[in-house]
């Protein structure tokens, strides 16, 4: 317990009741302020993460204040994607249809606020308004909503939301940005992969590890990563203490709530990328910090953990991004879905590499088996910058089994 106590002393965790922060007419400043407020509450509050009703009310107000819409939509997606009362035996979808419908409408409001679908919008305004990122998030939610509504036999609603996605996609293709971009292989909303805007497609959904030097590096240093992870797990409460320091998480990104946790080791945005958590995994951090793939503006490395019976939601990142996972402790039956590549199995000592700028649709991205004596952990990395390593993929929308 000594190590856990040292962490608590070094990183005091406070407590405060959450209230929506003051917002302005600057939508990206609002996004930053709101996300910081929500993440602070998620990690620091000792009275639980009770922000749902206030955030939903803020969302409804945002239709009259469209500069708020982008931030609230992202907050709903990050923290309320899944129904908290969902059970595997339940007849309804695990997706929180009401909250994600609200989030989708707010993304639409944000698109309108930035004139993103105006055919006359100039290239700079399209890019500075983050129009493509907003569209990608909207399509993600619309396709997930269409699938969830279909699974609940709400077929008319499912058809309507999918038709709306197709209509917006058609309008997107007519803006000046896409006229200049040309044909990059996007034929439907499910095809979006933001790496495609900068780099040609290479390997599809999953990269072969033997073609990616970073994956070979991960596998070659498996014993080091595993050994330092085991030392952390051997100290009761230490992993949880370190997990609470990780600000780059997505809150309720899993079902059941809080079944996902990770410890961030490196942050490429910092002058010294090795974080204070490296005191508990020094050799792992030294090895990772020496890799050129992580020495760029948004590179990062984590120790990630999922509890048994967890489902991790679909998600995507901005362009110039690959993701790599190395299985350190795995459970039989762990399944990873990456676009059309379904039911991939984690293996101890083996790395997965994929494009992280598009997302698997119509069902969870990662499913843990119902019960296991071993809590799966992985070395997780976000790799960016070098165009030689970029690729993207075509997504196939299909419901999870």
Protein backbone atom coordinates (compact mmCIF):
# COMPACT_ATOMS: atom_id res chain seq x y z
CA UNK A 1 0.00 0.00 0.00
CA UNK A 2 3.00 2.32 0.33
CA UNK A 3 3.18 3.00 -3.41
CA UNK A 4 -0.53 3.76 -3.62
CA UNK A 5 -0.22 6.16 -0.70
CA UNK A 6 2.67 7.92 -2.47
CA UNK A 7 0.51 8.41 -5.55
CA UNK A 8 -2.33 9.90 -3.49
CA UNK A 9 0.09 12.28 -1.78
CA UNK A 10 1.65 13.39 -5.05
CA UNK A 11 -1.64 13.86 -6.90
CA UNK A 12 -4.33 15.03 -4.49
CA UNK A 13 -7.87 14.42 -5.76
CA UNK A 14 -10.43 17.02 -4.81
CA UNK A 15 -14.20 17.04 -4.76
CA UNK A 16 -16.74 19.53 -6.16
CA UNK A 17 -20.35 19.48 -7.25
CA UNK A 18 -20.71 19.90 -11.02
CA UNK A 19 -22.55 22.80 -12.57
CA UNK A 20 -22.37 23.80 -16.25
CA UNK A 21 -19.55 26.29 -16.82
CA UNK A 22 -20.14 29.72 -18.28
CA UNK A 23 -20.19 29.46 -22.07
CA UNK A 24 -19.61 32.05 -24.80
CA UNK A 25 -20.15 32.55 -28.53
CA UNK A 26 -16.87 30.74 -29.33
CA UNK A 27 -17.86 27.13 -29.99
CA UNK A 28 -14.37 25.69 -29.68
CA UNK A 29 -13.62 27.56 -26.48
CA UNK A 30 -16.94 26.20 -25.20
CA UNK A 31 -15.94 22.68 -26.22
CA UNK A 32 -12.68 22.98 -24.31
CA UNK A 33 -14.22 24.51 -21.21
CA UNK A 34 -17.09 22.03 -21.08
CA UNK A 35 -14.93 18.97 -21.62
CA UNK A 36 -12.49 20.08 -18.94
CA UNK A 37 -15.36 20.65 -16.53
CA UNK A 38 -16.88 17.22 -17.24
CA UNK A 39 -13.58 15.38 -16.97
CA UNK A 40 -12.71 17.18 -13.76
CA UNK A 41 -16.05 16.12 -12.32
CA UNK A 42 -15.67 12.55 -13.54
CA UNK A 43 -12.28 12.12 -11.92
CA UNK A 44 -12.48 14.37 -8.87
CA UNK A 45 -16.01 14.22 -7.52
CA UNK A 46 -16.48 12.10 -4.43
CA UNK A 47 -20.26 12.18 -4.83
CA UNK A 48 -20.50 10.35 -8.13
CA UNK A 49 -20.83 11.54 -11.71
CA UNK A 50 -24.34 12.99 -11.52
CA UNK A 51 -24.29 15.38 -14.47
CA UNK A 52 -26.74 13.76 -16.88
CA UNK A 53 -29.84 15.88 -16.32
CA UNK A 54 -27.91 19.15 -16.28
CA UNK A 55 -26.05 18.22 -19.47
CA UNK A 56 -29.28 17.24 -21.25
CA UNK A 57 -30.90 20.53 -20.24
CA UNK A 58 -27.86 22.37 -21.55
CA UNK A 59 -28.23 20.42 -24.79
CA UNK A 60 -31.82 21.53 -25.28
CA UNK A 61 -30.80 25.14 -24.56
CA UNK A 62 -28.03 24.84 -27.16
CA UNK A 63 -30.54 24.86 -30.00
CA UNK A 64 -31.04 28.52 -29.12
CA UNK A 65 -27.30 28.99 -28.53
CA UNK A 66 -25.68 26.98 -31.37
CA UNK A 67 -22.15 27.85 -30.27
CA UNK A 68 -22.77 25.50 -27.33
CA UNK A 69 -23.92 22.57 -29.47
CA UNK A 70 -20.55 21.05 -30.39
CA UNK A 71 -19.31 20.87 -26.81
CA UNK A 72 -22.53 19.43 -25.40
CA UNK A 73 -22.78 16.85 -28.21
CA UNK A 74 -19.27 15.65 -27.45
CA UNK A 75 -20.02 15.53 -23.74
CA UNK A 76 -23.08 13.35 -24.32
CA UNK A 77 -21.13 11.04 -26.63
CA UNK A 78 -18.19 10.71 -24.23
CA UNK A 79 -20.19 10.00 -21.09
CA UNK A 80 -23.69 8.80 -22.01
CA UNK A 81 -23.27 6.57 -25.04
CA UNK A 82 -24.54 3.45 -23.23
CA UNK A 83 -27.67 2.98 -21.15
CA UNK A 84 -26.61 2.63 -17.54
CA UNK A 85 -29.54 0.29 -16.86
CA UNK A 86 -28.80 -2.06 -19.76
CA UNK A 87 -28.55 -5.80 -19.14
CA UNK A 88 -27.58 -8.54 -21.65
CA UNK A 89 -31.04 -10.07 -21.20
CA UNK A 90 -32.82 -6.75 -21.83
CA UNK A 91 -34.96 -6.44 -24.97
CA UNK A 92 -33.75 -2.94 -25.75
CA UNK A 93 -30.46 -1.74 -27.22
CA UNK A 94 -27.43 -1.08 -25.04
CA UNK A 95 -27.09 2.25 -26.87
CA UNK A 96 -28.68 5.19 -25.07
CA UNK A 97 -30.94 6.06 -28.01
CA UNK A 98 -32.45 9.20 -26.47
CA UNK A 99 -29.10 10.70 -25.46
CA UNK A 100 -27.40 9.84 -28.76
CA UNK A 101 -30.37 11.20 -30.72
CA UNK A 102 -29.94 14.46 -28.85
CA UNK A 103 -26.19 14.40 -29.51
CA UNK A 104 -26.79 13.81 -33.24
CA UNK A 105 -29.18 16.76 -33.44
CA UNK A 106 -26.62 18.93 -31.66
CA UNK A 107 -23.91 17.93 -34.15
CA UNK A 108 -26.34 18.96 -36.90
CA UNK A 109 -26.85 22.31 -35.18
CA UNK A 110 -23.08 22.76 -34.98
CA UNK A 111 -22.73 21.98 -38.69
CA UNK A 112 -25.34 24.60 -39.48
CA UNK A 113 -23.69 27.11 -37.12
CA UNK A 114 -20.43 26.75 -39.09
CA UNK A 115 -22.19 26.63 -42.51
CA UNK A 116 -20.38 23.33 -43.11
CA UNK A 117 -22.82 22.11 -45.77
CA UNK A 118 -22.93 25.39 -47.68
CA UNK A 119 -21.62 24.65 -51.20
CA UNK A 120 -20.05 28.11 -51.23
CA UNK A 121 -18.07 27.65 -48.01
CA UNK A 122 -14.38 28.27 -48.69
CA UNK A 123 -11.71 25.69 -47.93
CA UNK A 124 -10.20 27.53 -44.96
CA UNK A 125 -13.55 27.98 -43.24
CA UNK A 126 -14.40 24.31 -43.75
CA UNK A 127 -11.14 23.25 -42.12
CA UNK A 128 -11.13 25.85 -39.35
CA UNK A 129 -14.73 24.97 -38.52
CA UNK A 130 -13.72 21.31 -38.01
CA UNK A 131 -16.47 20.45 -40.45
CA UNK A 132 -15.14 17.03 -41.44
CA UNK A 133 -14.66 16.00 -37.82
CA UNK A 134 -18.20 17.09 -37.00
CA UNK A 135 -19.55 15.15 -39.96
CA UNK A 136 -17.62 12.04 -38.97
CA UNK A 137 -19.08 12.13 -35.46
CA UNK A 138 -22.58 12.75 -36.80
CA UNK A 139 -22.33 9.79 -39.19
CA UNK A 140 -20.98 7.57 -36.41
CA UNK A 141 -24.00 8.36 -34.25
CA UNK A 142 -26.53 8.12 -37.06
CA UNK A 143 -25.31 4.70 -38.15
CA UNK A 144 -25.23 3.46 -34.56
CA UNK A 145 -28.73 4.82 -33.98
CA UNK A 146 -30.01 3.18 -37.14
CA UNK A 147 -28.64 -0.18 -36.03
CA UNK A 148 -29.90 0.17 -32.44
CA UNK A 149 -33.39 1.19 -33.54
CA UNK A 150 -33.50 -1.73 -35.94
CA UNK A 151 -32.53 -4.14 -33.18
CA UNK A 152 -35.46 -2.77 -31.15
CA UNK A 153 -37.75 -3.27 -34.19
CA UNK A 154 -38.23 0.49 -34.55
CA UNK A 155 -37.82 0.09 -38.28
CA UNK A 156 -39.43 3.33 -39.46
CA UNK A 157 -37.20 5.36 -37.12
CA UNK A 158 -34.16 3.36 -38.17
CA UNK A 159 -34.87 3.99 -41.85
CA UNK A 160 -35.41 7.70 -41.19
CA UNK A 161 -32.10 8.23 -39.38
CA UNK A 162 -30.15 6.25 -42.00
CA UNK A 163 -31.86 8.18 -44.77
CA UNK A 164 -30.90 11.43 -43.02
CA UNK A 165 -27.28 10.28 -42.89
CA UNK A 166 -27.34 9.54 -46.63
CA UNK A 167 -28.86 12.96 -47.38
CA UNK A 168 -26.20 14.79 -45.35
CA UNK A 169 -23.47 12.70 -46.99
CA UNK A 170 -24.76 13.77 -50.42
CA UNK A 171 -24.69 17.43 -49.36
CA UNK A 172 -21.17 16.98 -47.94
CA UNK A 173 -19.90 15.79 -51.32
CA UNK A 174 -21.01 19.08 -52.92
CA UNK A 175 -18.99 21.44 -50.72
CA UNK A 176 -15.84 23.03 -52.17
CA UNK A 177 -13.56 21.04 -49.88
CA UNK A 178 -14.69 17.72 -51.31
CA UNK A 179 -14.69 19.06 -54.86
CA UNK A 180 -10.97 19.84 -54.37
CA UNK A 181 -10.30 16.61 -52.50
CA UNK A 182 -11.64 14.47 -55.31
CA UNK A 183 -12.56 10.79 -55.13
CA UNK A 184 -10.97 9.23 -52.05
CA UNK A 185 -13.20 6.18 -51.96
CA UNK A 186 -16.03 7.48 -49.80
CA UNK A 187 -19.28 6.19 -51.28
CA UNK A 188 -21.45 6.26 -48.15
CA UNK A 189 -21.32 7.58 -44.56
CA UNK A 190 -19.85 4.27 -43.39
CA UNK A 191 -16.75 4.81 -45.57
CA UNK A 192 -15.36 7.81 -43.71
CA UNK A 193 -11.81 7.46 -42.41
CA UNK A 194 -10.11 10.77 -41.76
CA UNK A 195 -6.66 9.48 -42.69
CA UNK A 196 -7.99 9.22 -46.25
CA UNK A 197 -7.89 13.00 -46.52
CA UNK A 198 -4.08 12.94 -46.34
CA UNK A 199 -2.86 9.45 -47.26
CA UNK A 200 -3.83 6.66 -49.66
CA UNK A 201 -5.35 3.47 -48.29
CA UNK A 202 -2.80 0.73 -47.70
CA UNK A 203 -3.71 -2.41 -45.81
CA UNK A 204 -7.37 -2.09 -44.86
CA UNK A 205 -8.84 -2.31 -41.39
CA UNK A 206 -5.94 -4.06 -39.66
CA UNK A 207 -2.28 -3.66 -40.46
CA UNK A 208 -0.04 -6.73 -40.66
CA UNK A 209 2.29 -6.44 -37.67
CA UNK A 210 5.29 -7.50 -39.72
CA UNK A 211 4.90 -4.38 -41.90
CA UNK A 212 4.85 -1.98 -38.97
CA UNK A 213 8.14 -1.52 -37.04
CA UNK A 214 6.39 -0.24 -33.93
CA UNK A 215 4.38 -3.46 -33.61
CA UNK A 216 7.59 -5.46 -33.82
CA UNK A 217 9.08 -3.24 -31.13
CA UNK A 218 6.09 -3.87 -28.83
CA UNK A 219 6.31 -7.61 -29.27
CA UNK A 220 10.08 -7.66 -28.77
CA UNK A 221 9.72 -5.88 -25.41
CA UNK A 222 6.70 -7.83 -24.19
CA UNK A 223 8.47 -9.24 -21.12
CA UNK A 224 9.48 -5.79 -19.91
CA UNK A 225 5.99 -4.34 -20.28
CA UNK A 226 4.40 -7.37 -18.63
CA UNK A 227 6.86 -7.41 -15.73
CA UNK A 228 6.25 -3.78 -14.80
CA UNK A 229 2.50 -4.19 -15.18
CA UNK A 230 2.57 -7.19 -12.84
CA UNK A 231 4.52 -5.15 -10.29
CA UNK A 232 1.81 -2.47 -10.40
CA UNK A 233 -0.98 -5.04 -10.07
CA UNK A 234 0.81 -6.67 -7.12
CA UNK A 235 0.43 -3.46 -5.09
CA UNK A 236 -3.19 -3.42 -3.96
CA UNK A 237 -5.02 -0.34 -5.18
CA UNK A 238 -2.08 1.08 -7.14
CA UNK A 239 -3.47 0.57 -10.65
CA UNK A 240 -6.71 2.29 -9.64
CA UNK A 241 -4.81 5.19 -8.10
CA UNK A 242 -2.75 5.63 -11.25
CA UNK A 243 -5.83 5.21 -13.45
CA UNK A 244 -7.51 8.19 -11.81
CA UNK A 245 -4.66 10.39 -12.98
CA UNK A 246 -5.32 9.63 -16.66
CA UNK A 247 -7.18 12.59 -18.15
CA UNK A 248 -7.24 11.20 -21.66
CA UNK A 249 -10.10 8.78 -21.02
CA UNK A 250 -13.66 8.76 -22.33
CA UNK A 251 -15.61 8.41 -19.12
CA UNK A 252 -18.50 6.04 -19.56
CA UNK A 253 -17.06 4.61 -22.78
CA UNK A 254 -17.89 1.09 -21.69
CA UNK A 255 -20.72 -0.95 -20.38
CA UNK A 256 -20.93 -1.66 -17.47
CA UNK A 257 -19.91 1.85 -16.39
CA UNK A 258 -16.33 2.23 -15.22
CA UNK A 259 -15.29 -1.23 -16.45
CA UNK A 260 -12.50 0.34 -18.47
CA UNK A 261 -9.37 1.86 -17.03
CA UNK A 262 -5.98 2.88 -18.28
CA UNK A 263 -2.79 4.37 -16.95
CA UNK A 264 -1.19 6.93 -19.24
CA UNK A 265 2.59 6.67 -19.37
CA UNK A 266 3.58 9.02 -22.21
CA UNK A 267 2.08 12.21 -23.60
CA UNK A 268 3.68 13.48 -26.80
CA UNK A 269 2.28 16.96 -26.22
CA UNK A 270 4.66 17.53 -23.32
CA UNK A 271 8.29 18.65 -23.61
CA UNK A 272 9.17 15.66 -21.43
CA UNK A 273 6.71 13.03 -22.66
CA UNK A 274 7.26 10.71 -19.68
CA UNK A 275 4.56 11.39 -17.10
CA UNK A 276 4.86 11.01 -13.34
CA UNK A 277 3.30 7.57 -13.65
CA UNK A 278 6.56 6.41 -15.22
CA UNK A 279 7.98 6.15 -11.69
CA UNK A 280 6.06 2.87 -11.53
CA UNK A 281 7.06 1.58 -14.99
CA UNK A 282 10.47 3.21 -15.62
CA UNK A 283 11.92 0.76 -18.11
CA UNK A 284 8.71 0.63 -20.15
CA UNK A 285 8.67 4.42 -20.34
CA UNK A 286 12.33 4.62 -21.38
CA UNK A 287 11.71 2.18 -24.20
CA UNK A 288 8.54 3.92 -25.37
CA UNK A 289 10.01 7.44 -25.14
CA UNK A 290 12.83 6.42 -27.47
CA UNK A 291 10.43 5.50 -30.29
CA UNK A 292 10.10 8.12 -33.06
CA UNK A 293 6.45 7.14 -33.60
CA UNK A 294 5.55 8.59 -30.20
CA UNK A 295 7.70 11.73 -30.38
CA UNK A 296 5.17 13.93 -32.12
CA UNK A 297 2.43 16.26 -31.06
CA UNK A 298 -0.26 13.74 -30.15
CA UNK A 299 1.54 10.45 -29.59
CA UNK A 300 0.67 8.66 -26.36
CA UNK A 301 1.10 5.34 -24.58
CA UNK A 302 -1.04 3.66 -21.93
CA UNK A 303 -1.54 0.53 -19.90
CA UNK A 304 -5.18 -0.33 -20.59
CA UNK A 305 -7.48 -2.64 -18.65
CA UNK A 306 -10.99 -3.97 -19.30
CA UNK A 307 -13.04 -5.88 -16.76
CA UNK A 308 -14.88 -9.12 -17.64
CA UNK A 309 -18.12 -8.69 -19.59
CA UNK A 310 -17.19 -5.18 -20.73
CA UNK A 311 -18.19 -3.64 -24.05
CA UNK A 312 -16.14 -0.74 -25.38
CA UNK A 313 -17.98 1.74 -27.59
CA UNK A 314 -17.11 2.67 -31.19
CA UNK A 315 -14.89 5.72 -31.46
CA UNK A 316 -12.58 7.54 -33.86
CA UNK A 317 -9.69 9.97 -33.79
CA UNK A 318 -8.47 12.82 -35.95
CA UNK A 319 -6.31 12.18 -38.98
CA UNK A 320 -2.66 11.10 -38.96
CA UNK A 321 -3.35 8.41 -36.40
CA UNK A 322 -2.82 4.70 -36.02
CA UNK A 323 -3.49 2.66 -32.88
CA UNK A 324 -1.55 -0.34 -31.60
CA UNK A 325 -2.44 -2.77 -28.80
CA UNK A 326 -0.12 -5.40 -27.35
CA UNK A 327 -1.83 -8.13 -25.32
CA UNK A 328 -0.15 -8.45 -21.91
CA UNK A 329 -2.74 -10.44 -19.94
CA UNK A 330 -5.64 -11.77 -21.99
CA UNK A 331 -8.74 -13.83 -21.32
CA UNK A 332 -10.13 -16.55 -23.55
CA UNK A 333 -13.00 -15.16 -25.61
CA UNK A 334 -11.89 -11.53 -25.82
CA UNK A 335 -13.13 -10.17 -29.16
CA UNK A 336 -11.99 -7.10 -31.06
CA UNK A 337 -14.02 -5.63 -33.94
CA UNK A 338 -12.30 -3.26 -36.35
CA UNK A 339 -14.61 -2.26 -39.17
CA UNK A 340 -15.24 -5.31 -41.36
CA UNK A 341 -12.66 -7.36 -39.42
CA UNK A 342 -14.83 -9.11 -36.85
CA UNK A 343 -14.12 -11.25 -33.81
CA UNK A 344 -10.39 -10.74 -33.79
CA UNK A 345 -8.85 -12.37 -30.74
CA UNK A 346 -6.31 -10.79 -28.44
CA UNK A 347 -3.27 -12.97 -27.89
CA UNK A 348 -0.59 -12.65 -25.25
CA UNK A 349 2.50 -11.05 -26.72
CA UNK A 350 0.91 -10.18 -30.06
CA UNK A 351 0.26 -6.66 -31.33
CA UNK A 352 -2.75 -5.36 -33.26
CA UNK A 353 -2.36 -2.24 -35.42
CA UNK A 354 -5.24 -0.43 -37.11
CA UNK A 355 -6.43 2.89 -38.46
CA UNK A 356 -7.89 4.89 -35.58
CA UNK A 357 -9.57 7.61 -37.66
CA UNK A 358 -12.61 5.59 -38.63
CA UNK A 359 -14.65 3.42 -36.35
CA UNK A 360 -16.39 0.05 -36.24
CA UNK A 361 -20.09 0.59 -36.67
CA UNK A 362 -23.27 -1.18 -35.60
CA UNK A 363 -22.09 -2.82 -32.42
CA UNK A 364 -19.37 -2.67 -29.78
CA UNK A 365 -15.73 -2.32 -30.68
CA UNK A 366 -14.35 -4.65 -28.02
CA UNK A 367 -16.16 -7.30 -26.01
CA UNK A 368 -14.77 -9.05 -22.97
CA UNK A 369 -15.95 -12.59 -22.10
CA UNK A 370 -18.62 -12.85 -19.38
CA UNK A 371 -16.32 -14.16 -16.68
CA UNK A 372 -12.63 -14.63 -16.24
CA UNK A 373 -10.14 -15.11 -13.48
CA UNK A 374 -7.78 -12.78 -15.32
CA UNK A 375 -8.41 -9.09 -15.98
CA UNK A 376 -7.07 -8.41 -19.49
CA UNK A 377 -4.48 -5.67 -19.82
CA UNK A 378 -2.71 -4.31 -22.83
CA UNK A 379 0.02 -1.90 -23.82
CA UNK A 380 -1.96 0.65 -25.83
CA UNK A 381 -0.34 3.27 -28.02
CA UNK A 382 -1.50 6.08 -30.26
CA UNK A 383 0.89 6.58 -33.13
CA UNK A 384 0.89 9.59 -35.44
CA UNK A 385 2.76 11.79 -37.89
CA UNK A 386 4.72 9.64 -40.34
CA UNK A 387 2.95 9.36 -43.69
CA UNK A 388 4.65 6.05 -44.48
CA UNK A 389 2.56 4.39 -41.81
CA UNK A 390 -0.82 5.83 -42.64
CA UNK A 391 -3.72 3.92 -44.06
CA UNK A 392 -7.49 3.90 -43.87
CA UNK A 393 -10.28 1.44 -44.40
CA UNK A 394 -13.75 0.91 -45.77
CA UNK A 395 -16.26 0.12 -43.08
CA UNK A 396 -19.04 -2.39 -43.37
CA UNK A 397 -22.06 -1.58 -41.22
CA UNK A 398 -23.46 -4.71 -39.65
CA UNK A 399 -25.00 -5.58 -36.32
CA UNK A 400 -22.95 -7.34 -33.70
CA UNK A 401 -23.66 -10.98 -33.06
